Amino acid sequence: MATHGSLTKAGKVRGQTPKVEGRKIVGTSASLRNKNNFKKRFALGRVPGQNKPGQKRRR
C-alpha cells in the first residue's frame, strides 16, 4: 500500500513550531464553588438545565 509521504519527514511541522507556554488556570476554591452552588440551587431556587420551566422559547 502506498503512503502519502515518506516516514523520514514525520513530525516535521510539529518540530519546527515554537513552544508556547500555556497560561496557568486560576480557579476558585472548592468551598467557594460549593457556596455559590448552594446559593444558586437552594437560596435562589433556580432549576438546573437549559429547558427551565417558565422560560420563553426563542425561535
Protein backbone atom coordinates (compact mmCIF):
# COMPACT_ATOMS: atom_id res chain seq x y z
CA MET A 1 0.00 0.00 0.00
CA ALA A 2 1.34 3.42 -0.90
CA THR A 3 1.96 6.03 1.78
CA HIS A 4 1.36 9.74 1.49
CA GLY A 5 4.89 11.00 2.12
CA SER A 6 7.99 9.38 3.48
CA LEU A 7 8.33 8.40 7.11
CA THR A 8 11.59 10.33 7.41
CA LYS A 9 9.58 13.58 7.27
CA ALA A 10 7.17 12.54 10.02
CA GLY A 11 6.75 15.20 12.74
CA LYS A 12 8.46 17.91 10.68
CA VAL A 13 5.93 20.67 11.26
CA ARG A 14 5.47 19.94 14.94
CA GLY A 15 9.22 20.03 15.48
CA GLN A 16 9.51 23.39 13.71
CA THR A 17 6.78 25.21 15.63
CA PRO A 18 8.00 27.23 18.63
CA LYS A 19 6.99 26.05 22.08
CA VAL A 20 4.36 28.30 23.66
CA GLU A 21 3.82 28.05 27.40
CA GLY A 22 0.20 27.71 28.42
CA ARG A 23 -1.48 30.07 30.83
CA LYS A 24 -1.97 28.86 34.36
CA ILE A 25 -5.64 28.27 35.09
CA VAL A 26 -6.67 30.03 38.26
CA GLY A 27 -9.95 28.71 39.59
CA THR A 28 -12.00 29.24 42.70
CA SER A 29 -11.51 27.09 45.76
CA ALA A 30 -13.83 24.17 46.34
CA SER A 31 -15.52 25.74 49.37
CA LEU A 32 -16.32 28.94 47.47
CA ARG A 33 -17.63 26.97 44.49
CA ASN A 34 -19.86 24.88 46.78
CA LYS A 35 -21.16 28.00 48.49
CA ASN A 36 -22.08 29.59 45.16
CA ASN A 37 -23.80 26.38 44.02
CA PHE A 38 -25.78 26.26 47.26
CA LYS A 39 -26.91 29.84 46.78
CA LYS A 40 -27.99 29.21 43.20
CA ARG A 41 -29.85 25.98 43.88
CA PHE A 42 -31.46 26.46 47.27
CA ALA A 43 -31.40 30.13 48.28
CA LEU A 44 -32.48 31.46 44.87
CA GLY A 45 -34.45 28.34 43.92
CA ARG A 46 -33.07 28.02 40.40
CA VAL A 47 -33.61 24.87 38.36
CA PRO A 48 -30.61 23.35 36.55
CA GLY A 49 -30.70 22.70 32.82
CA GLN A 50 -31.40 24.54 29.62
CA ASN A 51 -35.16 23.98 29.39
CA LYS A 52 -36.22 25.69 32.57
CA PRO A 53 -39.92 25.85 33.40
CA GLY A 54 -41.43 29.25 32.71
CA GLN A 55 -38.72 30.24 30.26
CA LYS A 56 -39.83 31.68 26.94
CA ARG A 57 -38.58 29.84 23.87
CA ARG A 58 -36.98 31.84 21.10
CA ARG A 59 -37.47 30.91 17.50
